[in-house]
Amino acid sequence: MTTMVCFEASGASYCLSVGATRAVLRSAGMVALPAPEPDVAGIIPGDPPLTVLAPLGTGGTYILLVQSGERTFGLQVDAVTGLRRVEDAAIHRAPDGQRRELVSGTIDAWGELVLVTDPDALAARL
């Protein structure tokens, strides 16, 4: 059994292991970079500042703070919809056809298709 943080981005439903999630913030304090990499939305001021990714679309009201190994970064999302417990057997393999390995599996539950996001693949976008 795995507990997931569920969220929405660009009209799709996603989830991420709660073990990889550190906090949920509002994106109002984010600062845009003048020449960011394609998936970088900006930075969150702090010591040190944290990079915020938006590889699942553009915009978003919330930022999930994600931990992958020694890296902590933000993931900009439209909405955080809650926590859900998922049986490991309910997580299916990743879909074919991805250019980037951001989705590590799928869950067909709660009346919708939910894409399982890989924190290590997100960190590789930095």
N, C-alpha and C. Protein backbone atom coordinates (compact mmCIF):
# COMPACT_ATOMS: atom_id res chain seq x y z
N MET A 1 0.86 -1.18 0.00
CA MET A 1 0.00 0.00 0.00
C MET A 1 0.90 1.24 0.00
N THR A 2 0.58 2.17 -0.88
CA THR A 2 1.34 3.40 -1.01
C THR A 2 0.40 4.59 -0.85
N THR A 3 0.82 5.61 -0.12
CA THR A 3 0.04 6.83 0.00
C THR A 3 0.55 7.82 -1.04
N MET A 4 -0.38 8.39 -1.79
CA MET A 4 -0.04 9.31 -2.88
C MET A 4 -0.65 10.69 -2.62
N VAL A 5 0.08 11.73 -3.04
CA VAL A 5 -0.45 13.08 -3.09
C VAL A 5 -1.03 13.23 -4.49
N CYS A 6 -2.30 13.55 -4.59
CA CYS A 6 -2.97 13.67 -5.88
C CYS A 6 -3.08 15.15 -6.25
N PHE A 7 -2.91 15.42 -7.55
CA PHE A 7 -2.98 16.80 -8.02
C PHE A 7 -3.42 16.83 -9.48
N GLU A 8 -3.76 18.03 -9.94
CA GLU A 8 -4.16 18.24 -11.32
C GLU A 8 -3.22 19.23 -11.98
N ALA A 9 -2.95 18.98 -13.26
CA ALA A 9 -2.13 19.90 -14.06
C ALA A 9 -2.55 19.75 -15.51
N SER A 10 -2.80 20.86 -16.16
CA SER A 10 -3.18 20.89 -17.58
C SER A 10 -4.33 19.94 -17.90
N GLY A 11 -5.32 19.88 -17.02
CA GLY A 11 -6.51 19.10 -17.27
C GLY A 11 -6.40 17.60 -17.02
N ALA A 12 -5.27 17.13 -16.52
CA ALA A 12 -5.09 15.71 -16.23
C ALA A 12 -4.89 15.51 -14.73
N SER A 13 -5.15 14.27 -14.28
CA SER A 13 -4.97 13.92 -12.87
C SER A 13 -3.65 13.17 -12.70
N TYR A 14 -2.90 13.53 -11.68
CA TYR A 14 -1.60 12.94 -11.39
C TYR A 14 -1.53 12.59 -9.92
N CYS A 15 -0.52 11.78 -9.58
CA CYS A 15 -0.21 11.54 -8.18
C CYS A 15 1.30 11.32 -8.05
N LEU A 16 1.76 11.50 -6.84
CA LEU A 16 3.18 11.40 -6.51
C LEU A 16 3.26 10.81 -5.12
N SER A 17 4.21 9.93 -4.89
CA SER A 17 4.36 9.31 -3.58
C SER A 17 4.47 10.38 -2.49
N VAL A 18 3.74 10.19 -1.40
CA VAL A 18 3.79 11.15 -0.30
C VAL A 18 5.21 11.20 0.29
N GLY A 19 5.96 10.11 0.16
CA GLY A 19 7.33 10.08 0.66
C GLY A 19 8.27 11.02 -0.09
N ALA A 20 7.90 11.40 -1.30
CA ALA A 20 8.72 12.32 -2.10
C ALA A 20 8.23 13.76 -1.99
N THR A 21 7.14 13.98 -1.26
CA THR A 21 6.54 15.31 -1.17
C THR A 21 6.84 15.93 0.19
N ARG A 22 7.32 17.16 0.18
CA ARG A 22 7.71 17.83 1.42
C ARG A 22 6.71 18.88 1.90
N ALA A 23 6.03 19.57 0.97
CA ALA A 23 5.09 20.63 1.35
C ALA A 23 4.28 21.05 0.13
N VAL A 24 3.22 21.80 0.39
CA VAL A 24 2.43 22.43 -0.66
C VAL A 24 2.44 23.93 -0.39
N LEU A 25 2.81 24.71 -1.41
CA LEU A 25 2.89 26.16 -1.28
C LEU A 25 2.02 26.82 -2.35
N ARG A 26 1.69 28.07 -2.16
CA ARG A 26 1.04 28.86 -3.21
C ARG A 26 2.13 29.38 -4.13
N SER A 27 1.84 29.51 -5.40
CA SER A 27 2.86 29.95 -6.35
C SER A 27 3.01 31.47 -6.41
N ALA A 28 2.27 32.20 -5.59
CA ALA A 28 2.29 33.67 -5.63
C ALA A 28 3.67 34.26 -5.39
N GLY A 29 4.54 33.62 -4.61
CA GLY A 29 5.86 34.16 -4.31
C GLY A 29 6.95 33.74 -5.28
N MET A 30 6.58 32.99 -6.32
CA MET A 30 7.58 32.50 -7.27
C MET A 30 8.12 33.66 -8.12
N VAL A 31 9.41 33.59 -8.41
CA VAL A 31 10.08 34.61 -9.22
C VAL A 31 10.48 33.98 -10.55
N ALA A 32 10.13 34.64 -11.64
CA ALA A 32 10.48 34.13 -12.97
C ALA A 32 11.95 34.38 -13.26
N LEU A 33 12.58 33.43 -13.95
CA LEU A 33 13.95 33.62 -14.40
C LEU A 33 13.94 34.26 -15.79
N PRO A 34 14.94 35.08 -16.12
CA PRO A 34 14.92 35.76 -17.41
C PRO A 34 15.13 34.84 -18.62
N ALA A 35 15.86 33.75 -18.48
CA ALA A 35 16.11 32.83 -19.60
C ALA A 35 16.10 31.39 -19.07
N PRO A 36 14.92 30.89 -18.68
CA PRO A 36 14.87 29.57 -18.05
C PRO A 36 14.99 28.43 -19.06
N GLU A 37 15.35 27.25 -18.54
CA GLU A 37 15.28 26.02 -19.33
C GLU A 37 13.81 25.78 -19.68
N PRO A 38 13.52 24.95 -20.68
CA PRO A 38 12.13 24.78 -21.13
C PRO A 38 11.12 24.38 -20.05
N ASP A 39 11.48 23.54 -19.10
CA ASP A 39 10.53 23.08 -18.08
C ASP A 39 10.57 23.88 -16.80
N VAL A 40 11.39 24.93 -16.73
CA VAL A 40 11.55 25.71 -15.49
C VAL A 40 10.59 26.89 -15.50
N ALA A 41 9.74 26.95 -14.46
CA ALA A 41 8.77 28.03 -14.32
C ALA A 41 9.37 29.23 -13.59
N GLY A 42 10.34 28.98 -12.70
CA GLY A 42 10.94 30.06 -11.92
C GLY A 42 11.62 29.50 -10.68
N ILE A 43 11.78 30.37 -9.68
CA ILE A 43 12.40 29.95 -8.42
C ILE A 43 11.56 30.45 -7.25
N ILE A 44 11.69 29.75 -6.13
CA ILE A 44 11.07 30.17 -4.88
C ILE A 44 12.19 30.79 -4.05
N PRO A 45 12.03 32.04 -3.62
CA PRO A 45 13.07 32.65 -2.79
C PRO A 45 13.31 31.85 -1.52
N GLY A 46 14.55 31.78 -1.11
CA GLY A 46 14.93 31.06 0.10
C GLY A 46 16.43 30.92 0.15
N ASP A 47 16.91 30.17 1.10
CA ASP A 47 18.35 29.97 1.25
C ASP A 47 18.64 28.47 1.28
N PRO A 48 18.92 27.88 0.15
CA PRO A 48 19.06 28.48 -1.18
C PRO A 48 17.71 28.57 -1.88
N PRO A 49 17.61 29.38 -2.94
CA PRO A 49 16.38 29.42 -3.72
C PRO A 49 16.12 28.05 -4.36
N LEU A 50 14.86 27.67 -4.50
CA LEU A 50 14.51 26.38 -5.09
C LEU A 50 13.93 26.57 -6.48
N THR A 51 14.39 25.76 -7.41
CA THR A 51 13.88 25.79 -8.78
C THR A 51 12.48 25.18 -8.81
N VAL A 52 11.59 25.78 -9.60
CA VAL A 52 10.23 25.29 -9.77
C VAL A 52 10.06 24.83 -11.21
N LEU A 53 9.65 23.57 -11.37
CA LEU A 53 9.41 22.99 -12.68
C LEU A 53 7.94 23.11 -13.07
N ALA A 54 7.68 23.20 -14.36
CA ALA A 54 6.32 23.15 -14.89
C ALA A 54 6.32 22.24 -16.13
N PRO A 55 6.81 20.98 -15.98
CA PRO A 55 6.88 20.10 -17.15
C PRO A 55 5.55 19.49 -17.54
N LEU A 56 4.51 19.70 -16.73
CA LEU A 56 3.20 19.11 -17.00
C LEU A 56 2.24 20.12 -17.61
N GLY A 57 2.74 21.26 -18.01
CA GLY A 57 1.91 22.31 -18.58
C GLY A 57 2.41 23.67 -18.10
N THR A 58 1.62 24.68 -18.31
CA THR A 58 2.02 26.02 -17.91
C THR A 58 1.12 26.53 -16.80
N GLY A 59 1.66 27.44 -16.03
CA GLY A 59 0.87 28.05 -14.96
C GLY A 59 0.63 27.11 -13.80
N GLY A 60 -0.25 27.53 -12.94
CA GLY A 60 -0.59 26.73 -11.78
C GLY A 60 -0.59 27.58 -10.53
N THR A 61 -1.51 27.31 -9.66
CA THR A 61 -1.70 28.09 -8.44
C THR A 61 -0.86 27.57 -7.28
N TYR A 62 -0.45 26.29 -7.37
CA TYR A 62 0.24 25.65 -6.26
C TYR A 62 1.60 25.11 -6.69
N ILE A 63 2.46 24.93 -5.70
CA ILE A 63 3.76 24.31 -5.91
C ILE A 63 3.91 23.19 -4.90
N LEU A 64 4.15 21.99 -5.41
CA LEU A 64 4.50 20.86 -4.55
C LEU A 64 6.01 20.89 -4.37
N LEU A 65 6.49 20.85 -3.14
CA LEU A 65 7.92 20.70 -2.90
C LEU A 65 8.22 19.22 -2.95
N VAL A 66 9.14 18.84 -3.83
CA VAL A 66 9.45 17.44 -4.09
C VAL A 66 10.90 17.15 -3.71
N GLN A 67 11.14 16.00 -3.12
CA GLN A 67 12.48 15.54 -2.76
C GLN A 67 12.83 14.34 -3.62
N SER A 68 13.98 14.40 -4.28
CA SER A 68 14.50 13.28 -5.06
C SER A 68 15.98 13.16 -4.72
N GLY A 69 16.34 12.13 -3.98
CA GLY A 69 17.73 12.02 -3.53
C GLY A 69 18.07 13.21 -2.66
N GLU A 70 19.13 13.91 -3.01
CA GLU A 70 19.57 15.10 -2.26
C GLU A 70 18.95 16.39 -2.78
N ARG A 71 18.16 16.30 -3.83
CA ARG A 71 17.57 17.49 -4.45
C ARG A 71 16.17 17.77 -3.95
N THR A 72 15.90 19.03 -3.67
CA THR A 72 14.56 19.50 -3.37
C THR A 72 14.22 20.56 -4.40
N PHE A 73 13.02 20.49 -4.97
CA PHE A 73 12.61 21.43 -6.00
C PHE A 73 11.10 21.55 -5.97
N GLY A 74 10.57 22.51 -6.70
CA GLY A 74 9.13 22.70 -6.77
C GLY A 74 8.56 22.14 -8.05
N LEU A 75 7.29 21.76 -8.00
CA LEU A 75 6.54 21.31 -9.16
C LEU A 75 5.26 22.13 -9.20
N GLN A 76 5.10 22.95 -10.22
CA GLN A 76 3.93 23.81 -10.32
C GLN A 76 2.73 23.01 -10.83
N VAL A 77 1.62 23.10 -10.11
CA VAL A 77 0.40 22.35 -10.44
C VAL A 77 -0.81 23.27 -10.31
N ASP A 78 -1.92 22.85 -10.93
CA ASP A 78 -3.14 23.66 -10.87
C ASP A 78 -3.87 23.52 -9.54
N ALA A 79 -3.95 22.30 -9.03
CA ALA A 79 -4.68 22.05 -7.78
C ALA A 79 -4.13 20.80 -7.11
N VAL A 80 -4.12 20.79 -5.80
CA VAL A 80 -3.79 19.60 -5.01
C VAL A 80 -5.13 19.07 -4.52
N THR A 81 -5.43 17.81 -4.88
CA THR A 81 -6.77 17.27 -4.61
C THR A 81 -6.84 16.35 -3.40
N GLY A 82 -5.69 16.03 -2.79
CA GLY A 82 -5.73 15.26 -1.56
C GLY A 82 -4.77 14.10 -1.53
N LEU A 83 -4.89 13.31 -0.47
CA LEU A 83 -4.08 12.10 -0.28
C LEU A 83 -4.95 10.88 -0.54
N ARG A 84 -4.37 9.87 -1.18
CA ARG A 84 -5.09 8.62 -1.42
C ARG A 84 -4.15 7.46 -1.20
N ARG A 85 -4.68 6.39 -0.61
CA ARG A 85 -3.91 5.16 -0.43
C ARG A 85 -4.20 4.26 -1.62
N VAL A 86 -3.12 3.70 -2.18
CA VAL A 86 -3.23 2.89 -3.40
C VAL A 86 -2.56 1.54 -3.15
N GLU A 87 -3.27 0.47 -3.50
CA GLU A 87 -2.66 -0.86 -3.48
C GLU A 87 -1.57 -0.89 -4.55
N ASP A 88 -0.40 -1.44 -4.22
CA ASP A 88 0.69 -1.50 -5.19
C ASP A 88 0.29 -2.24 -6.47
N ALA A 89 -0.56 -3.26 -6.34
CA ALA A 89 -1.01 -4.03 -7.50
C ALA A 89 -1.92 -3.20 -8.41
N ALA A 90 -2.46 -2.10 -7.93
CA ALA A 90 -3.34 -1.25 -8.74
C ALA A 90 -2.57 -0.29 -9.63
N ILE A 91 -1.25 -0.21 -9.44
CA ILE A 91 -0.42 0.67 -10.27
C ILE A 91 0.07 -0.12 -11.47
N HIS A 92 -0.36 0.31 -12.65
CA HIS A 92 0.00 -0.36 -13.90
C HIS A 92 1.26 0.26 -14.49
N ARG A 93 1.85 -0.42 -15.45
CA ARG A 93 3.09 0.05 -16.05
C ARG A 93 2.90 1.40 -16.74
N ALA A 94 4.01 2.06 -17.01
CA ALA A 94 3.99 3.36 -17.67
C ALA A 94 3.46 3.22 -19.09
N PRO A 95 2.76 4.22 -19.58
CA PRO A 95 2.25 4.15 -20.94
C PRO A 95 3.37 4.30 -21.97
N ASP A 96 3.17 3.67 -23.12
CA ASP A 96 4.10 3.85 -24.23
C ASP A 96 3.91 5.23 -24.83
N GLY A 97 4.93 5.69 -25.56
CA GLY A 97 4.79 6.93 -26.32
C GLY A 97 5.27 8.18 -25.63
N GLN A 98 5.95 8.08 -24.50
CA GLN A 98 6.46 9.28 -23.82
C GLN A 98 7.80 9.70 -24.41
N ARG A 99 7.95 10.98 -24.66
CA ARG A 99 9.27 11.49 -25.05
C ARG A 99 10.16 11.61 -23.82
N ARG A 100 9.54 11.92 -22.69
CA ARG A 100 10.26 12.06 -21.43
C ARG A 100 9.63 11.13 -20.42
N GLU A 101 10.44 10.47 -19.66
CA GLU A 101 9.95 9.49 -18.68
C GLU A 101 9.44 10.18 -17.42
N LEU A 102 8.39 10.97 -17.52
CA LEU A 102 7.84 11.64 -16.34
C LEU A 102 6.78 10.80 -15.65
N VAL A 103 6.11 9.95 -16.40
CA VAL A 103 5.05 9.11 -15.86
C VAL A 103 5.59 7.69 -15.72
N SER A 104 5.57 7.19 -14.48
CA SER A 104 6.12 5.86 -14.22
C SER A 104 5.05 4.78 -14.15
N GLY A 105 3.77 5.18 -14.18
CA GLY A 105 2.69 4.21 -14.13
C GLY A 105 1.34 4.90 -14.22
N THR A 106 0.30 4.09 -14.21
CA THR A 106 -1.06 4.63 -14.24
C THR A 106 -1.92 3.90 -13.21
N ILE A 107 -2.95 4.59 -12.76
CA ILE A 107 -3.92 4.02 -11.84
C ILE A 107 -5.30 4.30 -12.44
N ASP A 108 -6.11 3.28 -12.58
CA ASP A 108 -7.47 3.44 -13.05
C ASP A 108 -8.38 3.26 -11.85
N ALA A 109 -8.58 4.35 -11.14
CA ALA A 109 -9.34 4.29 -9.90
C ALA A 109 -10.06 5.61 -9.65
N TRP A 110 -10.96 5.59 -8.70
CA TRP A 110 -11.72 6.77 -8.29
C TRP A 110 -12.49 7.35 -9.47
N GLY A 111 -12.78 6.51 -10.48
CA GLY A 111 -13.55 6.96 -11.62
C GLY A 111 -12.77 7.75 -12.65
N GLU A 112 -11.44 7.68 -12.60
CA GLU A 112 -10.62 8.42 -13.57
C GLU A 112 -9.28 7.73 -13.76
N LEU A 113 -8.59 8.13 -14.80
CA LEU A 113 -7.23 7.68 -15.05
C LEU A 113 -6.28 8.65 -14.36
N VAL A 114 -5.41 8.12 -13.51
CA VAL A 114 -4.45 8.95 -12.77
C VAL A 114 -3.04 8.54 -13.20
N LEU A 115 -2.22 9.51 -13.55
CA LEU A 115 -0.85 9.27 -13.98
C LEU A 115 0.08 9.37 -12.78
N VAL A 116 0.88 8.35 -12.56
CA VAL A 116 1.83 8.32 -11.45
C VAL A 116 3.12 9.02 -11.93
N THR A 117 3.51 10.07 -11.21
CA THR A 117 4.66 10.87 -11.59
C THR A 117 5.91 10.37 -10.88
N ASP A 118 7.02 10.29 -11.59
CA ASP A 118 8.29 9.80 -11.07
C ASP A 118 9.14 10.98 -10.58
N PRO A 119 9.40 11.09 -9.26
CA PRO A 119 10.19 12.21 -8.75
C PRO A 119 11.61 12.26 -9.30
N ASP A 120 12.22 11.10 -9.56
CA ASP A 120 13.58 11.09 -10.10
C ASP A 120 13.59 11.61 -11.54
N ALA A 121 12.57 11.27 -12.32
CA ALA A 121 12.48 11.77 -13.69
C ALA A 121 12.23 13.28 -13.69
N LEU A 122 11.44 13.76 -12.72
CA LEU A 122 11.24 15.21 -12.60
C LEU A 122 12.55 15.90 -12.29
N ALA A 123 13.31 15.34 -11.33
CA ALA A 123 14.59 15.94 -10.94
C ALA A 123 15.57 15.98 -12.10
N ALA A 124 15.48 15.01 -13.00
CA ALA A 124 16.37 14.97 -14.17
C ALA A 124 16.09 16.13 -15.13
N ARG A 125 14.94 16.80 -14.99
CA ARG A 125 14.61 17.96 -15.83
C ARG A 125 15.31 19.23 -15.38
N LEU A 126 15.94 19.20 -14.21
CA LEU A 126 16.62 20.39 -13.69
C LEU A 126 17.92 20.63 -14.43
